[in-house]
Amino acid sequence: MRAFHRSGKKVLIIGKLPLPIGGVRIHVQRLIQDLDKRGYTDFIFHDLDRNPFWKVFTETGKYGAVHLHTSNPWFQLAMSLYCQFLQVPLIITYHSNIGRYNFTRNMAESMSVVIADIPIVQNKESLIKTKKLNAKVILMSTFIPPVYINPLNDVIRQQILDLKKQYRYLFCTNAWNVTFDTQGREIYGISELMDCISLNNQSVLIISDPSGNYQRYIKKLRTTLPVNVFWISESHDFWNILEHSHAFVRNTITDGTSLSIQEALRCDTVVFALDSVSRSPACHLYHDLRCFDLEKELEIILKRPVKAAQKPFFSGTVDDLIKLYKRCIDQI
């Protein structure tokens, strides 16, 4: 039994909503929308963007359990310590690959894993690392199908249709922001991907860059850009881009479960991915993009006999989370 008795037996979900970008934010948005659609009322959402930072600590003790969505290791550690003090069950979803930060941030992340009631990780590599720290860790995909899909605006839609007439193959990729690892390498590998696609004159690369930050970063580095690269630097739903594309390329040097890969597979879009972490068996992996001919590989895949469409298996993420919520609340 927990030492603190709370009047409410609801789950406090902590995170941020898309503005308009970010894989973590999109997951949180879809989780909230799915719970609402089901009529599940045993939760309250605390938006970190709309509330003062300190307020989350004054609210935590009122609820039966907490589910935290953040990629900030210090906040993960602070919440795990605070929830332990209040004896409130804490679920933390680690959306990034475990151990991707520098020494001090990795230490904070590891400590939060130890303290949290239920850590949730995204891939086998992270599971192996965290299992040594907390036996209650769970491997669970963050993929939740969109409840609502906003259509592309007419201008972008027409531009993509024109590209389909001009080029034989449409590749796409995305990045929520320009981010770098501890060695200064681009995490999303967009520059390398642009160099690769510039050698394929039958193909065009559509880069989903809703913040516009990546395009500005690239323009500062380069005086000329490949003619077969098309940027979308405004708010849009990436699902629409996947439905228009032949292939999605995930050139990330670190990753969680990758929401975009799951979406691409659901759209029956070919997925090429760097083998930096474990990937879905449906992905086509490469080790070095400089030694990998995207256009040639896509041609081989598309020439294979067409099979009946088989959607990849996705576990019921929201169903599993609701079970976790009930289990945590029942501990009170």
Protein backbone atom coordinates (compact mmCIF):
# COMPACT_ATOMS: atom_id res chain seq x y z
CA MET A 1 0.00 0.00 0.00
CA ARG A 2 1.11 3.53 -0.73
CA ALA A 3 1.62 5.78 2.28
CA PHE A 4 -0.15 8.79 0.70
CA HIS A 5 -3.87 8.60 0.04
CA ARG A 6 -5.22 10.75 -2.79
CA SER A 7 -8.81 11.58 -3.49
CA GLY A 8 -8.35 11.23 -7.24
CA LYS A 9 -7.50 7.96 -8.94
CA LYS A 10 -6.65 9.44 -12.30
CA VAL A 11 -3.39 9.38 -14.23
CA LEU A 12 -1.52 12.64 -14.75
CA ILE A 13 -0.04 12.60 -18.27
CA ILE A 14 2.78 15.13 -18.60
CA GLY A 15 4.10 16.30 -21.96
CA LYS A 16 3.80 18.83 -24.77
CA LEU A 17 1.55 19.06 -27.82
CA PRO A 18 2.84 19.66 -31.38
CA LEU A 19 3.77 23.23 -32.23
CA PRO A 20 3.64 21.81 -34.92
CA ILE A 21 6.51 19.37 -34.77
CA GLY A 22 8.31 16.74 -32.74
CA GLY A 23 7.87 12.98 -32.56
CA VAL A 24 7.37 13.01 -28.78
CA ARG A 25 4.77 15.76 -29.06
CA ILE A 26 2.90 13.91 -31.81
CA HIS A 27 2.84 10.73 -29.72
CA VAL A 28 1.40 12.66 -26.77
CA GLN A 29 -1.21 14.32 -28.96
CA ARG A 30 -2.34 11.01 -30.44
CA LEU A 31 -2.42 9.36 -27.02
CA ILE A 32 -4.68 12.11 -25.66
CA GLN A 33 -6.90 12.04 -28.75
CA ASP A 34 -7.21 8.24 -28.67
CA LEU A 35 -8.09 8.21 -24.97
CA ASP A 36 -10.72 10.90 -25.58
CA LYS A 37 -12.14 8.99 -28.53
CA ARG A 38 -12.50 5.87 -26.37
CA GLY A 39 -14.31 7.84 -23.69
CA TYR A 40 -11.51 7.09 -21.21
CA THR A 41 -11.82 9.74 -18.51
CA ASP A 42 -9.38 8.54 -15.86
CA PHE A 43 -6.61 10.94 -16.89
CA ILE A 44 -5.66 14.60 -16.79
CA PHE A 45 -3.19 16.10 -19.26
CA HIS A 46 -0.62 18.63 -18.07
CA ASP A 47 0.80 20.62 -21.01
CA LEU A 48 4.31 21.81 -20.13
CA ASP A 49 4.06 24.57 -22.74
CA ARG A 50 0.88 26.08 -21.31
CA ASN A 51 1.59 25.81 -17.59
CA PRO A 52 4.39 27.20 -15.40
CA PHE A 53 7.14 24.64 -14.89
CA TRP A 54 6.72 24.58 -11.11
CA LYS A 55 3.00 23.81 -11.35
CA VAL A 56 3.61 20.20 -12.35
CA PHE A 57 5.15 19.57 -8.93
CA THR A 58 2.16 21.05 -7.08
CA GLU A 59 -0.23 18.91 -9.15
CA THR A 60 1.57 15.57 -9.01
CA GLY A 61 0.49 14.54 -5.53
CA LYS A 62 -3.21 14.81 -6.41
CA TYR A 63 -3.19 11.85 -8.80
CA GLY A 64 -3.01 8.10 -8.59
CA ALA A 65 -0.14 7.77 -11.07
CA VAL A 66 2.01 9.86 -13.42
CA HIS A 67 3.02 9.18 -17.02
CA LEU A 68 5.93 11.37 -18.12
CA HIS A 69 6.87 12.17 -21.72
CA THR A 70 10.05 14.21 -22.01
CA SER A 71 13.50 13.82 -23.53
CA ASN A 72 15.13 15.96 -20.83
CA PRO A 73 17.16 13.63 -18.54
CA TRP A 74 17.26 16.18 -15.71
CA PHE A 75 13.48 16.51 -15.70
CA GLN A 76 13.16 12.72 -15.84
CA LEU A 77 15.38 12.44 -12.78
CA ALA A 78 13.63 15.26 -10.90
CA MET A 79 10.20 13.73 -11.48
CA SER A 80 11.35 10.24 -10.52
CA LEU A 81 12.78 11.52 -7.22
CA TYR A 82 9.71 13.63 -6.50
CA CYS A 83 7.26 10.82 -7.28
CA GLN A 84 9.28 8.47 -5.11
CA PHE A 85 9.07 10.98 -2.27
CA LEU A 86 5.28 11.31 -2.71
CA GLN A 87 5.00 7.56 -3.34
CA VAL A 88 3.11 8.20 -6.58
CA PRO A 89 3.68 5.45 -9.20
CA LEU A 90 5.65 6.85 -12.13
CA ILE A 91 5.73 5.64 -15.73
CA ILE A 92 8.40 7.23 -17.94
CA THR A 93 8.41 6.71 -21.69
CA TYR A 94 11.97 7.14 -22.96
CA HIS A 95 11.41 8.29 -26.53
CA SER A 96 15.12 8.48 -27.37
CA ASN A 97 17.69 5.72 -27.57
CA ILE A 98 19.01 5.10 -24.05
CA GLY A 99 22.57 6.36 -23.56
CA ARG A 100 22.64 8.90 -26.41
CA TYR A 101 23.77 11.87 -24.31
CA ASN A 102 27.04 12.93 -22.69
CA PHE A 103 28.27 11.39 -19.44
CA THR A 104 26.36 13.57 -16.97
CA ARG A 105 23.08 13.51 -18.87
CA ASN A 106 23.37 9.74 -19.33
CA MET A 107 23.91 9.39 -15.58
CA ALA A 108 20.75 11.41 -14.89
CA GLU A 109 18.82 9.29 -17.36
CA SER A 110 20.10 6.04 -15.83
CA MET A 111 19.21 7.18 -12.31
CA SER A 112 15.66 7.96 -13.42
CA VAL A 113 15.41 4.47 -14.92
CA VAL A 114 16.41 2.97 -11.58
CA ILE A 115 13.89 5.01 -9.61
CA ALA A 116 10.87 4.98 -11.96
CA ASP A 117 8.16 2.41 -11.26
CA ILE A 118 7.80 1.47 -14.94
CA PRO A 119 10.34 2.63 -17.56
CA ILE A 120 9.19 2.19 -21.17
CA VAL A 121 11.84 1.95 -23.90
CA GLN A 122 11.69 1.83 -27.67
CA ASN A 123 14.21 -0.71 -28.96
CA LYS A 124 16.11 -3.85 -28.01
CA GLU A 125 19.41 -2.02 -27.42
CA SER A 126 17.73 0.23 -24.86
CA LEU A 127 15.97 -2.75 -23.29
CA ILE A 128 19.27 -4.58 -22.73
CA LYS A 129 20.81 -1.52 -21.05
CA THR A 130 17.84 -0.68 -18.85
CA LYS A 131 17.05 -4.27 -17.83
CA LYS A 132 20.24 -4.18 -15.74
CA LEU A 133 18.96 -1.09 -13.93
CA ASN A 134 15.26 -1.87 -13.50
CA ALA A 135 13.75 -5.30 -13.99
CA LYS A 136 10.29 -3.76 -14.53
CA VAL A 137 11.30 -2.05 -17.79
CA ILE A 138 8.89 -2.60 -20.72
CA LEU A 139 9.60 -2.61 -24.45
CA MET A 140 6.64 -0.85 -26.06
CA SER A 141 6.23 0.94 -29.38
CA THR A 142 5.16 4.57 -29.25
CA PHE A 143 3.28 4.22 -32.53
CA ILE A 144 -0.35 5.28 -32.31
CA PRO A 145 -2.25 5.65 -35.59
CA PRO A 146 -3.46 9.21 -36.17
CA VAL A 147 -6.99 9.89 -35.04
CA TYR A 148 -7.23 12.88 -37.38
CA ILE A 149 -5.23 13.58 -40.57
CA ASN A 150 -5.11 17.17 -41.80
CA PRO A 151 -4.97 17.34 -45.61
CA LEU A 152 -2.14 19.14 -47.37
CA ASN A 153 -2.84 22.66 -48.51
CA ASP A 154 -3.59 22.94 -52.22
CA VAL A 155 -0.29 24.61 -53.14
CA ILE A 156 1.94 21.91 -51.60
CA ARG A 157 -0.28 19.15 -52.91
CA GLN A 158 0.00 20.50 -56.46
CA GLN A 159 3.77 20.90 -56.12
CA ILE A 160 4.08 17.24 -55.14
CA LEU A 161 1.88 16.16 -58.04
CA ASP A 162 4.15 18.14 -60.37
CA LEU A 163 7.21 16.40 -58.90
CA LYS A 164 5.59 13.03 -59.56
CA LYS A 165 5.33 13.98 -63.24
CA GLN A 166 8.91 15.24 -63.38
CA TYR A 167 10.65 12.41 -61.49
CA ARG A 168 10.34 8.66 -61.57
CA TYR A 169 10.81 8.12 -57.84
CA LEU A 170 9.82 10.20 -54.83
CA PHE A 171 11.90 9.71 -51.67
CA CYS A 172 11.02 11.50 -48.47
CA THR A 173 12.51 12.12 -45.06
CA ASN A 174 11.80 14.39 -42.11
CA ALA A 175 13.39 16.21 -39.19
CA TRP A 176 11.71 18.10 -36.39
CA ASN A 177 14.80 20.27 -35.85
CA VAL A 178 18.55 20.49 -36.46
CA THR A 179 20.11 18.35 -33.74
CA PHE A 180 23.60 16.96 -33.21
CA ASP A 181 25.16 14.15 -31.18
CA THR A 182 28.05 14.55 -28.73
CA GLN A 183 30.52 14.30 -31.65
CA GLY A 184 28.84 17.12 -33.57
CA ARG A 185 27.25 14.87 -36.20
CA GLU A 186 23.79 15.60 -37.60
CA ILE A 187 21.42 13.17 -35.89
CA TYR A 188 18.99 13.16 -38.83
CA GLY A 189 21.74 12.94 -41.47
CA ILE A 190 19.97 15.26 -43.91
CA SER A 191 23.15 16.69 -45.45
CA GLU A 192 24.45 13.21 -46.27
CA LEU A 193 21.08 12.20 -47.68
CA MET A 194 21.00 15.27 -49.92
CA ASP A 195 24.45 14.38 -51.30
CA CYS A 196 23.23 10.86 -51.98
CA ILE A 197 20.04 11.89 -53.78
CA SER A 198 21.90 14.47 -55.90
CA LEU A 199 23.55 11.52 -57.70
CA ASN A 200 20.16 10.04 -58.65
CA ASN A 201 18.72 12.11 -61.50
CA GLN A 202 15.52 10.05 -61.73
CA SER A 203 14.60 10.79 -58.13
CA VAL A 204 13.56 13.68 -55.94
CA LEU A 205 13.90 13.99 -52.17
CA ILE A 206 11.07 15.64 -50.25
CA ILE A 207 12.28 16.94 -46.89
CA SER A 208 9.60 17.51 -44.29
CA ASP A 209 11.02 20.38 -42.21
CA PRO A 210 8.03 22.02 -40.47
CA SER A 211 10.15 24.36 -38.32
CA GLY A 212 12.21 25.56 -41.30
CA ASN A 213 15.32 25.33 -39.11
CA TYR A 214 17.00 22.59 -41.13
CA GLN A 215 16.64 24.42 -44.43
CA ARG A 216 18.12 27.58 -42.89
CA TYR A 217 21.00 25.53 -41.47
CA ILE A 218 21.74 23.91 -44.84
CA LYS A 219 21.61 27.25 -46.69
CA LYS A 220 24.21 28.68 -44.32
CA LEU A 221 26.56 25.79 -45.13
CA ARG A 222 26.04 25.58 -48.88
CA THR A 223 25.90 28.15 -51.65
CA THR A 224 24.07 25.77 -53.98
CA LEU A 225 21.52 23.05 -53.26
CA PRO A 226 20.65 19.98 -55.35
CA VAL A 227 17.86 20.71 -57.82
CA ASN A 228 16.14 17.45 -56.95
CA VAL A 229 15.52 18.36 -53.31
CA PHE A 230 12.15 19.83 -52.33
CA TRP A 231 11.63 21.38 -48.90
CA ILE A 232 8.34 21.67 -47.05
CA SER A 233 9.10 24.21 -44.33
CA GLU A 234 5.69 24.87 -42.89
CA SER A 235 3.21 23.01 -40.72
CA HIS A 236 1.81 19.87 -42.37
CA ASP A 237 0.87 16.28 -41.64
CA PHE A 238 3.74 13.98 -42.69
CA TRP A 239 1.31 11.11 -43.25
CA ASN A 240 0.24 12.81 -46.50
CA ILE A 241 3.84 12.97 -47.74
CA LEU A 242 4.31 9.27 -47.07
CA GLU A 243 1.21 8.39 -49.08
CA HIS A 244 2.63 10.25 -52.10
CA SER A 245 6.17 8.81 -51.81
CA HIS A 246 7.73 5.61 -53.10
CA ALA A 247 10.16 5.38 -50.20
CA PHE A 248 10.97 6.90 -46.82
CA VAL A 249 14.60 7.21 -45.70
CA ARG A 250 15.49 7.24 -41.99
CA ASN A 251 19.17 8.24 -41.90
CA THR A 252 19.36 8.82 -38.15
CA ILE A 253 22.50 7.89 -36.22
CA THR A 254 20.43 7.30 -33.06
CA ASP A 255 16.76 6.51 -32.69
CA GLY A 256 13.94 5.24 -30.55
CA THR A 257 11.18 3.31 -32.25
CA SER A 258 10.72 6.03 -34.92
CA LEU A 259 7.14 7.09 -35.33
CA SER A 260 7.83 7.94 -38.98
CA ILE A 261 9.02 4.41 -39.79
CA GLN A 262 5.86 2.96 -38.28
CA GLU A 263 3.72 5.40 -40.25
CA ALA A 264 5.57 4.62 -43.48
CA LEU A 265 5.04 0.89 -43.02
CA ARG A 266 1.37 1.47 -42.32
CA CYS A 267 1.18 3.46 -45.60
CA ASP A 268 2.87 0.58 -47.49
CA THR A 269 5.77 2.90 -48.33
CA VAL A 270 9.22 1.31 -48.77
CA VAL A 271 11.48 2.12 -45.81
CA PHE A 272 15.26 2.46 -46.01
CA ALA A 273 16.97 2.92 -42.64
CA LEU A 274 20.48 3.23 -41.25
CA ASP A 275 21.33 0.19 -39.14
CA SER A 276 22.33 2.36 -36.15
CA VAL A 277 19.71 0.65 -33.95
CA SER A 278 17.42 -2.35 -34.30
CA ARG A 279 14.66 -1.74 -36.84
CA SER A 280 11.43 -3.38 -37.89
CA PRO A 281 12.01 -6.51 -40.04
CA ALA A 282 10.06 -4.74 -42.79
CA CYS A 283 12.79 -2.09 -43.16
CA HIS A 284 15.56 -2.28 -45.77
CA LEU A 285 18.77 -1.54 -43.88
CA TYR A 286 22.07 -0.04 -44.97
CA HIS A 287 25.29 0.54 -43.06
CA ASP A 288 26.81 3.44 -45.03
CA LEU A 289 24.69 5.64 -47.25
CA ARG A 290 27.74 6.59 -49.30
CA CYS A 291 28.00 2.97 -50.45
CA PHE A 292 24.26 2.46 -50.98
CA ASP A 293 22.44 3.27 -54.21
CA LEU A 294 18.92 4.25 -53.11
CA GLU A 295 17.55 4.47 -56.63
CA LYS A 296 18.90 1.09 -57.69
CA GLU A 297 17.72 -0.61 -54.50
CA LEU A 298 14.25 0.89 -54.84
CA GLU A 299 14.01 -0.31 -58.44
CA ILE A 300 14.84 -3.87 -57.34
CA ILE A 301 12.19 -3.77 -54.60
CA LEU A 302 9.49 -2.34 -56.86
CA LYS A 303 10.16 -4.95 -59.57
CA ARG A 304 9.47 -7.82 -57.20
CA PRO A 305 6.14 -9.61 -57.67
CA VAL A 306 3.39 -7.69 -55.99
CA LYS A 307 2.02 -9.49 -52.94
CA ALA A 308 -1.24 -8.93 -51.23
CA ALA A 309 -0.87 -5.91 -48.98
CA GLN A 310 0.06 -6.99 -45.49
CA LYS A 311 0.04 -4.36 -42.81
CA PRO A 312 2.85 -4.82 -40.27
CA PHE A 313 1.71 -5.91 -36.87
CA PHE A 314 1.34 -3.14 -34.33
CA SER A 315 0.60 -3.86 -30.71
CA GLY A 316 -2.28 -1.99 -29.17
CA THR A 317 -0.16 0.72 -27.57
CA VAL A 318 -3.06 2.62 -26.05
CA ASP A 319 -4.68 -0.61 -24.81
CA ASP A 320 -1.40 -1.56 -23.13
CA LEU A 321 -1.03 1.87 -21.55
CA ILE A 322 -4.56 1.79 -20.13
CA LYS A 323 -3.73 -1.55 -18.50
CA LEU A 324 -0.57 -0.02 -17.02
CA TYR A 325 -2.52 2.95 -15.70
CA LYS A 326 -5.02 0.67 -13.98
CA ARG A 327 -2.24 -1.46 -12.53
CA CYS A 328 -0.47 1.59 -11.10
CA ILE A 329 -3.63 3.15 -9.68
CA ASP A 330 -4.63 -0.14 -8.07
CA GLN A 331 -1.44 0.03 -6.01
CA ILE A 332 -2.91 2.91 -3.99
